[in-house]
Every structure is written in C-alpha cells, then in structure tokens.
C-alpha cells in the first residue's frame, strides 16, 4: 500500500503512556504524539483543512499565494500543502521564534519575514499586521488567519477528538493542551465533551498571556501582557478559536519550568518534543492534586524537539537566562573545590577550563588566579580533575 502524496499521511498519531516524568501524578497519563505527522506537528491537520475549505469557497484560487502569520508549525503545514497543491507562501513570524523554525520554512521554499515580538498586535510592525498588509498588496493572495478561522477548530473536531476517543476506548477523563490559537483544545475538547460531558478540558497558559485571567474573571487585562520565552502557547489577544466554554480551567507555567520540562521529557521518556509539550506536562504536574488514580489523562505533544535545538536543548542558552543552576567549570568554580599547590601563570576568574588545562599542561605545573576578595589562589591539574569528578 502507498499514499498518493504526503498529505495523506497526516493524522492517526500514536497515543503513548508516560512512565517516568509523571510517576507522581495520579492516573494513567497518555501523550498524543503529534510529531509523527509529516510536518512534525499537530498543525498539519488544520493547515490542510483551512486550505481545502478556502479552495471550496473560492477564496484560494489556482496559483495563489498563501500569506500567514505563524510561529512556525502552521507555516510548515501550509508550506507542505502548498507544494503539493501548487501555491506560493509568504510567512511572517516573530523574532522570539527559534531559528530552526524559520530555516525549516525557508527549506520548503517559503518567504519568511521576521517581525519584532514586543509590539502590540495592532502595531504595523507586528507579524499579525504585516501579514494582513501583504494580503492586501499581493495579487491573488489569501490569508488563512489561523487564529480566527474556525476551520482550525473544525479540523480537530473531525480528526483529533475522534482519534483520542477511539484510542482510549472512551475512557479519557481529562484533556490537557497548551493553548495558542485555541483550535486544538477547542475542537478536540468539543468533540470529547459531546461524547462525555464529564471530561475535563484543561488549558495550559504562560505568564505574559491573557487567557487564564480572562477565563476566571471575564476581564481582558492588558497589564497581564508582557514578553515571554515559551513558544506556541499564550496570546496577547483573544482568538476566535479559543472556546472558553469548552475549556474548564487554565493553568500558567513559567518559561523556566516549561523549558526544563521540555528537556526532561526527552531525557526521561525518550520522546523528543517541543516547548509546548514541556509547558503542558509542567501544568499537569502543578494540577496533580485534582486527579485520582482511576483517571485517564491525555496530553497533547504538539511538535518536534528538532525545532528547539538552539534554545531549550542548548545549555548555553539556558544558562544565559538563568534556567540552569549548574555552571560551566571556570577558575572560580575550581577554587571552590581546591586544596593545594604551585604557581606558574596568572589568569582571571572567568578563564575557561580548557584554557586553564592547556596552560597547566604546557608549563607542567599550575596557574595562579586572583579571587573576588583579592586573594591569590593556585589551580593545578589535580584541582581540575577533582572539580570534574564532583
């Protein structure tokens, strides 16, 4: 058996039990692994649905140009479909998105325009505004508008919801989803609640986003809005696809917790996923007291870890933001563990371990360093070995 084209391989993604990272969370925790879609994310589903609906309505015509504001994953799905269907693509994104996402879009032949993150949605420089302007200026173009295009939610109502219901044999009690455009949680949640109104739908939000407060108070509070690092979830406006009636509660997760949890999923479960998965698991763990041993929880793992190699999977990037508590070995960290010895070459506290080791080997002795109090200390090869071994 073979498929007529790559778009036919979208969907029917596996449901996998988590065994280690959620060991202290009551219930059976299952991850919906959307990385097995051909574009490596759940956004493939709604990208094709939006295009097909636009073709049927006549909004997208043969040879047209698709213009969209995207954090990367929707763009990938659109670009992949555009290749098969014969369209061009122009995408706008923000400067907080990983370089890997931008490079991937360009690899599919799309034009990508990077816009500033820290501006209001209505600002002419925002990636929302730039995409809307381009739609007006580029002949024979169409903007999917994933935030307000209800085909987004409908794709998950038709596909993701039924898959989860069948895979759990109707036993699902909770759905946990990071919320960005709102299509995944709203469409999937709507289907599941129609099957069983008692199913709880939990949305994962981030600090700097408006969703949680709006759900709890009905107030759109601009003071809640500020720049954040977490990708793929949270917004500074209310997309039409976010159905607050379907979502039972929101839980906020910090940038740090989301980033470190993303890495933990790979290290503890062997599942290589992106930032929104880390946020979703972080939120689930924060909400664990609301669960019972008999519960069956499905968490959506939206996209693949390869799109975050320069961020969540880069230790230097994590250290620069204070997300990792360990520090690289330097003269300062070695002094904290040293006991003895001889002098040879003077270095400063921030000299790298490689440089110090090279100097010691070259002189076959030791290096001298002045600590923060002005005291002169000595570092030897023994001190380096001792520091590395803990």
Protein backbone atom coordinates (compact mmCIF):
# COMPACT_ATOMS: atom_id res chain seq x y z
CA UNK A 1 0.00 0.00 0.00
CA UNK A 2 1.15 3.53 -0.73
CA UNK A 3 -0.18 7.06 -0.35
CA UNK A 4 -0.90 9.34 -3.29
CA UNK A 5 1.00 12.20 -1.66
CA UNK A 6 2.47 13.20 1.70
CA UNK A 7 -0.71 14.94 2.85
CA UNK A 8 -2.49 11.60 3.10
CA UNK A 9 -0.14 10.57 5.93
CA UNK A 10 -1.44 13.28 8.28
CA UNK A 11 -3.26 12.06 11.39
CA UNK A 12 -3.70 8.73 13.17
CA UNK A 13 -0.85 9.65 15.51
CA UNK A 14 0.08 7.29 18.37
CA UNK A 15 -1.01 7.54 21.99
CA UNK A 16 1.86 6.65 24.33
CA UNK A 17 1.85 6.04 28.09
CA UNK A 18 4.24 8.22 30.12
CA UNK A 19 6.02 6.19 32.80
CA UNK A 20 8.71 8.28 34.47
CA UNK A 21 8.18 12.02 34.22
CA UNK A 22 4.64 11.78 35.61
CA UNK A 23 5.27 8.97 38.11
CA UNK A 24 4.00 11.15 40.98
CA UNK A 25 0.86 12.19 39.10
CA UNK A 26 -2.25 10.07 39.87
CA UNK A 27 -3.91 8.26 36.98
CA UNK A 28 -2.83 6.93 33.62
CA UNK A 29 -1.05 9.69 31.68
CA UNK A 30 -1.03 9.31 27.90
CA UNK A 31 0.73 11.53 25.36
CA UNK A 32 -0.71 12.12 21.88
CA UNK A 33 2.49 12.20 19.81
CA UNK A 34 1.75 14.66 17.00
CA UNK A 35 5.40 14.69 15.88
CA UNK A 36 4.65 11.70 13.64
CA UNK A 37 2.72 13.94 11.26
CA UNK A 38 4.81 14.62 8.11
CA UNK A 39 5.43 18.23 9.12
CA UNK A 40 6.30 17.02 12.64
CA UNK A 41 3.47 18.90 14.32
CA UNK A 42 -0.25 18.88 15.02
CA UNK A 43 -0.63 21.98 12.84
CA UNK A 44 -0.53 19.83 9.70
CA UNK A 45 -4.13 18.84 10.43
CA UNK A 46 -5.61 22.32 10.47
CA UNK A 47 -3.33 23.71 7.75
CA UNK A 48 -4.73 21.31 5.17
CA UNK A 49 -8.29 21.80 6.45
CA UNK A 50 -8.04 25.60 6.09
CA UNK A 51 -6.65 25.28 2.57
CA UNK A 52 -9.31 22.80 1.47
CA UNK A 53 -12.12 24.97 2.84
CA UNK A 54 -10.66 28.03 1.10
CA UNK A 55 -10.45 26.13 -2.18
CA UNK A 56 -14.09 25.08 -1.89
CA UNK A 57 -15.25 28.62 -1.11
CA UNK A 58 -13.17 30.15 -3.91
CA UNK A 59 -11.05 32.29 -1.56
CA UNK A 60 -7.90 30.43 -2.63
CA UNK A 61 -7.53 30.26 -6.39
CA UNK A 62 -5.12 28.23 -8.55
CA UNK A 63 -1.57 29.61 -8.49
CA UNK A 64 -2.38 31.81 -5.50
CA UNK A 65 -0.12 32.95 -2.66
CA UNK A 66 -0.78 31.90 0.93
CA UNK A 67 0.17 34.63 3.42
CA UNK A 68 0.08 33.89 7.14
CA UNK A 69 1.47 34.97 10.50
CA UNK A 70 2.89 31.87 12.18
CA UNK A 71 5.17 30.75 15.00
CA UNK A 72 6.47 28.15 12.57
CA UNK A 73 4.42 24.97 12.80
CA UNK A 74 1.30 26.18 10.97
CA UNK A 75 3.60 27.63 8.34
CA UNK A 76 5.23 24.24 7.89
CA UNK A 77 1.88 22.56 7.35
CA UNK A 78 0.77 25.26 4.93
CA UNK A 79 4.07 25.17 3.03
CA UNK A 80 3.95 21.40 2.69
CA UNK A 81 0.38 21.50 1.38
CA UNK A 82 1.24 24.42 -0.93
CA UNK A 83 3.95 22.36 -2.61
CA UNK A 84 1.52 19.54 -3.34
CA UNK A 85 -1.26 21.87 -4.46
CA UNK A 86 0.81 24.41 -6.40
CA UNK A 87 0.68 27.57 -4.26
CA UNK A 88 3.34 30.05 -3.12
CA UNK A 89 3.83 31.01 0.54
CA UNK A 90 4.84 34.15 2.40
CA UNK A 91 5.02 33.89 6.19
CA UNK A 92 5.54 36.45 8.92
CA UNK A 93 6.86 35.36 12.31
CA UNK A 94 8.35 36.90 15.45
CA UNK A 95 11.96 37.30 16.46
CA UNK A 96 11.40 35.11 19.54
CA UNK A 97 10.82 32.01 17.41
CA UNK A 98 13.65 29.51 17.09
CA UNK A 99 15.98 29.82 14.12
CA UNK A 100 15.26 26.19 13.29
CA UNK A 101 11.61 27.01 12.62
CA UNK A 102 12.49 29.85 10.27
CA UNK A 103 15.09 27.75 8.45
CA UNK A 104 12.58 24.91 8.06
CA UNK A 105 10.01 27.21 6.44
CA UNK A 106 12.61 28.52 4.01
CA UNK A 107 13.67 24.95 3.24
CA UNK A 108 10.14 24.40 1.91
CA UNK A 109 10.54 27.37 -0.41
CA UNK A 110 8.56 29.89 1.63
CA UNK A 111 9.49 33.53 2.00
CA UNK A 112 9.79 34.39 5.70
CA UNK A 113 9.63 37.88 7.22
CA UNK A 114 10.77 38.17 10.85
CA UNK A 115 8.95 40.84 12.88
CA UNK A 116 9.50 42.21 16.43
CA UNK A 117 7.83 40.39 19.32
CA UNK A 118 7.45 43.23 21.79
CA UNK A 119 4.80 45.28 19.96
CA UNK A 120 1.00 45.44 20.17
CA UNK A 121 -0.93 43.21 17.73
CA UNK A 122 -2.31 46.33 16.01
CA UNK A 123 1.17 47.84 15.62
CA UNK A 124 2.04 47.98 11.89
CA UNK A 125 5.30 46.16 12.66
CA UNK A 126 3.63 43.16 14.34
CA UNK A 127 3.58 39.87 12.50
CA UNK A 128 -0.24 39.99 12.52
CA UNK A 129 -0.30 43.44 10.89
CA UNK A 130 2.44 42.74 8.37
CA UNK A 131 0.69 39.60 7.12
CA UNK A 132 -2.60 41.49 6.76
CA UNK A 133 -0.88 44.28 4.81
CA UNK A 134 0.77 41.78 2.48
CA UNK A 135 -2.56 40.10 1.80
CA UNK A 136 -3.90 43.46 0.61
CA UNK A 137 -0.84 44.18 -1.52
CA UNK A 138 -0.03 40.79 -3.12
CA UNK A 139 -2.28 39.87 -6.07
CA UNK A 140 -4.24 36.60 -5.88
CA UNK A 141 -3.34 36.04 -2.22
CA UNK A 142 -5.19 34.52 0.71
CA UNK A 143 -4.59 34.75 4.44
CA UNK A 144 -5.76 31.67 6.38
CA UNK A 145 -5.82 33.62 9.70
CA UNK A 146 -5.41 30.55 11.88
CA UNK A 147 -6.48 32.49 14.98
CA UNK A 148 -9.98 33.35 13.78
CA UNK A 149 -10.52 30.79 11.01
CA UNK A 150 -12.84 28.22 12.59
CA UNK A 151 -11.63 25.56 10.15
CA UNK A 152 -8.76 25.32 12.63
CA UNK A 153 -11.02 24.05 15.44
CA UNK A 154 -13.10 22.01 13.00
CA UNK A 155 -10.05 20.02 11.90
CA UNK A 156 -9.53 18.82 15.47
CA UNK A 157 -13.25 18.20 15.97
CA UNK A 158 -13.20 15.95 12.91
CA UNK A 159 -9.82 14.27 13.47
CA UNK A 160 -8.01 14.66 16.81
CA UNK A 161 -11.06 14.26 19.04
CA UNK A 162 -12.33 11.05 17.41
CA UNK A 163 -8.83 9.55 17.39
CA UNK A 164 -8.38 10.13 21.14
CA UNK A 165 -11.85 8.79 21.93
CA UNK A 166 -11.19 5.60 19.98
CA UNK A 167 -7.63 5.14 21.26
CA UNK A 168 -8.75 5.40 24.90
CA UNK A 169 -11.87 3.34 24.22
CA UNK A 170 -13.90 6.21 25.63
CA UNK A 171 -12.10 6.09 28.98
CA UNK A 172 -10.48 9.52 28.79
CA UNK A 173 -11.32 11.73 31.79
CA UNK A 174 -9.02 14.73 31.18
CA UNK A 175 -7.55 16.51 28.15
CA UNK A 176 -4.50 18.75 28.72
CA UNK A 177 -3.45 21.11 25.92
CA UNK A 178 -1.19 24.13 25.57
CA UNK A 179 -3.34 26.96 24.19
CA UNK A 180 -2.19 29.31 21.43
CA UNK A 181 -4.64 29.75 18.57
CA UNK A 182 -7.09 27.61 20.57
CA UNK A 183 -8.00 25.34 17.68
CA UNK A 184 -6.58 22.12 19.12
CA UNK A 185 -8.12 22.38 22.58
CA UNK A 186 -11.45 23.79 21.41
CA UNK A 187 -12.10 21.37 18.56
CA UNK A 188 -10.82 18.29 20.36
CA UNK A 189 -12.48 19.28 23.62
CA UNK A 190 -15.82 19.96 21.96
CA UNK A 191 -15.89 16.50 20.37
CA UNK A 192 -14.90 14.74 23.59
CA UNK A 193 -17.42 16.64 25.72
CA UNK A 194 -20.17 15.68 23.27
CA UNK A 195 -19.19 12.06 23.89
CA UNK A 196 -18.92 12.55 27.66
CA UNK A 197 -19.79 15.94 29.26
CA UNK A 198 -17.84 14.96 32.40
CA UNK A 199 -14.48 15.05 30.61
CA UNK A 200 -12.35 17.89 31.97
CA UNK A 201 -10.53 20.09 29.46
CA UNK A 202 -7.50 21.88 30.91
CA UNK A 203 -5.70 24.64 29.01
CA UNK A 204 -2.05 25.43 29.68
CA UNK A 205 -1.17 29.12 29.55
CA UNK A 206 2.03 31.09 30.13
CA UNK A 207 2.90 34.17 32.18
CA UNK A 208 2.55 37.18 29.88
CA UNK A 209 -0.63 35.81 28.29
CA UNK A 210 -4.24 36.88 28.87
CA UNK A 211 -6.10 33.56 28.77
CA UNK A 212 -6.18 32.48 32.42
CA UNK A 213 -7.41 35.76 33.88
CA UNK A 214 -9.98 36.21 31.11
CA UNK A 215 -11.39 32.72 31.76
CA UNK A 216 -11.61 33.32 35.50
CA UNK A 217 -12.87 36.93 35.54
CA UNK A 218 -14.10 37.81 32.06
CA UNK A 219 -11.64 40.71 32.12
CA UNK A 220 -9.16 41.29 29.30
CA UNK A 221 -6.32 42.75 31.34
CA UNK A 222 -3.56 44.43 29.32
CA UNK A 223 -1.44 44.54 32.47
CA UNK A 224 -1.18 40.74 32.15
CA UNK A 225 0.63 41.13 28.83
CA UNK A 226 4.43 41.14 28.66
CA UNK A 227 7.08 39.35 26.58
CA UNK A 228 7.71 35.69 27.35
CA UNK A 229 10.01 32.99 26.02
CA UNK A 230 7.72 29.95 25.83
CA UNK A 231 6.78 29.21 22.22
CA UNK A 232 3.49 28.04 20.77
CA UNK A 233 1.16 28.93 23.64
CA UNK A 234 -0.35 32.08 25.15
CA UNK A 235 -1.57 35.19 23.35
CA UNK A 236 -1.96 38.93 23.87
CA UNK A 237 -5.45 38.92 22.31
CA UNK A 238 -8.45 36.58 22.18
CA UNK A 239 -8.51 34.39 19.05
CA UNK A 240 -11.95 33.33 17.84
CA UNK A 241 -10.80 29.70 18.01
CA UNK A 242 -10.43 29.81 21.79
CA UNK A 243 -13.78 28.48 23.03
CA UNK A 244 -13.77 29.38 26.72
CA UNK A 245 -16.99 27.41 27.23
CA UNK A 246 -15.20 24.19 26.31
CA UNK A 247 -12.12 24.86 28.47
CA UNK A 248 -12.74 24.15 32.15
CA UNK A 249 -9.65 25.87 33.53
CA UNK A 250 -6.31 27.41 32.64
CA UNK A 251 -3.00 26.84 34.41
CA UNK A 252 0.01 29.10 33.91
CA UNK A 253 3.54 27.70 33.67
CA UNK A 254 6.74 29.74 33.87
CA UNK A 255 9.21 29.98 31.00
CA UNK A 256 11.84 28.24 33.11
CA UNK A 257 9.62 25.32 34.12
CA UNK A 258 8.41 24.85 30.54
CA UNK A 259 11.97 24.86 29.15
CA UNK A 260 13.40 22.45 31.71
CA UNK A 261 10.40 20.12 31.48
CA UNK A 262 10.81 20.01 27.70
CA UNK A 263 14.33 18.64 28.20
CA UNK A 264 13.13 16.21 30.88
CA UNK A 265 10.58 14.65 28.51
CA UNK A 266 13.41 13.71 26.15
CA UNK A 267 15.72 12.53 28.94
CA UNK A 268 13.17 10.59 30.97
CA UNK A 269 10.71 9.32 28.36
CA UNK A 270 12.81 9.22 25.20
CA UNK A 271 10.29 11.44 23.41
CA UNK A 272 11.83 14.38 21.54
CA UNK A 273 9.28 17.20 21.67
CA UNK A 274 8.98 20.97 21.67
CA UNK A 275 8.39 23.72 24.19
CA UNK A 276 4.60 23.50 24.41
CA UNK A 277 4.85 19.84 25.48
CA UNK A 278 7.11 20.87 28.34
CA UNK A 279 4.61 23.52 29.38
CA UNK A 280 1.73 21.02 29.18
CA UNK A 281 3.48 18.48 31.41
CA UNK A 282 4.59 21.23 33.77
CA UNK A 283 0.98 22.39 34.09
CA UNK A 284 -0.28 18.84 34.58
CA UNK A 285 2.17 18.28 37.44
CA UNK A 286 1.04 21.54 39.05
CA UNK A 287 -2.56 20.30 38.84
CA UNK A 288 -1.87 16.74 40.03
CA UNK A 289 -3.88 17.16 43.26
CA UNK A 290 -7.03 17.42 41.14
CA UNK A 291 -6.53 13.89 39.76
CA UNK A 292 -7.48 10.44 41.03
CA UNK A 293 -5.74 7.08 40.43
CA UNK A 294 -8.51 5.90 38.10
CA UNK A 295 -8.30 8.95 35.81
CA UNK A 296 -7.11 8.69 32.20
CA UNK A 297 -5.36 11.87 31.09
CA UNK A 298 -4.37 12.69 27.52
CA UNK A 299 -1.72 15.37 26.98
CA UNK A 300 -1.09 16.76 23.50
CA UNK A 301 2.58 16.80 22.42
CA UNK A 302 2.33 19.35 19.63
CA UNK A 303 5.67 19.40 17.83
CA UNK A 304 9.20 18.06 17.49
CA UNK A 305 12.28 18.90 19.53
CA UNK A 306 14.45 19.48 16.44
CA UNK A 307 12.88 22.95 16.18
CA UNK A 308 14.36 24.00 19.52
CA UNK A 309 18.00 22.89 19.25
CA UNK A 310 19.27 26.44 19.67
CA UNK A 311 17.01 27.08 22.67
CA UNK A 312 15.59 24.52 25.12
CA UNK A 313 18.13 21.91 24.04
CA UNK A 314 21.09 24.30 24.21
CA UNK A 315 22.70 24.52 27.64
CA UNK A 316 24.42 27.84 26.94
CA UNK A 317 21.06 29.40 26.01
CA UNK A 318 19.51 28.04 29.20
CA UNK A 319 22.36 29.33 31.37
CA UNK A 320 22.19 32.80 29.82
CA UNK A 321 18.58 33.02 31.04
CA UNK A 322 19.29 31.57 34.45
CA UNK A 323 17.32 28.40 33.74
CA UNK A 324 20.17 26.03 34.61
CA UNK A 325 21.62 26.17 38.11
CA UNK A 326 24.80 24.29 37.30
CA UNK A 327 27.68 26.33 35.93
CA UNK A 328 30.47 25.64 33.49
CA UNK A 329 33.80 24.91 35.11
CA UNK A 330 35.87 28.10 35.37
CA UNK A 331 38.72 29.19 37.57
CA UNK A 332 36.14 30.39 40.09
CA UNK A 333 34.33 27.04 40.34
CA UNK A 334 37.61 25.14 40.68
CA UNK A 335 38.80 27.40 43.51
CA UNK A 336 35.75 26.40 45.50
CA UNK A 337 36.96 22.79 45.47
CA UNK A 338 40.77 23.09 45.51
CA UNK A 339 43.16 22.22 48.28
CA UNK A 340 46.73 22.81 47.20
CA UNK A 341 49.69 23.78 45.18
CA UNK A 342 52.20 25.55 42.94
CA UNK A 343 52.20 28.76 40.90
CA UNK A 344 53.01 29.39 37.26
CA UNK A 345 50.72 31.53 35.06
CA UNK A 346 48.24 34.25 36.11
CA UNK A 347 44.62 34.02 34.80
CA UNK A 348 41.34 35.75 35.72
CA UNK A 349 38.26 34.17 37.33
CA UNK A 350 36.34 33.72 34.08
CA UNK A 351 39.09 31.85 32.24
CA UNK A 352 37.65 28.69 30.69
CA UNK A 353 38.55 25.23 31.93
CA UNK A 354 40.02 24.39 28.51
CA UNK A 355 42.40 27.36 28.64
CA UNK A 356 43.48 26.59 32.22
CA UNK A 357 44.12 22.94 31.40
CA UNK A 358 46.13 23.95 28.34
CA UNK A 359 48.29 26.32 30.38
CA UNK A 360 48.92 23.71 33.07
CA UNK A 361 49.88 21.07 30.52
CA UNK A 362 52.14 23.49 28.69
CA UNK A 363 54.00 24.61 31.82
CA UNK A 364 53.67 21.21 33.51
CA UNK A 365 52.71 22.97 36.72
CA UNK A 366 49.87 25.25 37.87
CA UNK A 367 48.14 28.61 37.24
CA UNK A 368 47.64 31.49 39.61
CA UNK A 369 44.34 33.37 39.91
CA UNK A 370 43.10 36.31 41.98
CA UNK A 371 39.69 35.65 43.55
CA UNK A 372 36.93 38.23 44.14
CA UNK A 373 38.38 39.27 47.52
CA UNK A 374 41.84 39.90 46.05
CA UNK A 375 43.35 36.72 47.47
CA UNK A 376 45.80 34.86 45.27
CA UNK A 377 44.98 31.18 44.70
CA UNK A 378 46.53 28.33 42.73
CA UNK A 379 44.88 25.85 40.37
CA UNK A 380 46.55 22.58 39.41
CA UNK A 381 45.62 19.67 37.19
CA UNK A 382 44.57 17.82 40.35
CA UNK A 383 42.05 20.59 41.15
CA UNK A 384 40.52 20.32 37.67
CA UNK A 385 40.14 16.54 37.95
CA UNK A 386 38.70 16.91 41.46
CA UNK A 387 36.15 19.53 40.29
CA UNK A 388 35.02 17.45 37.33
CA UNK A 389 34.57 14.34 39.45
CA UNK A 390 32.42 16.31 41.90
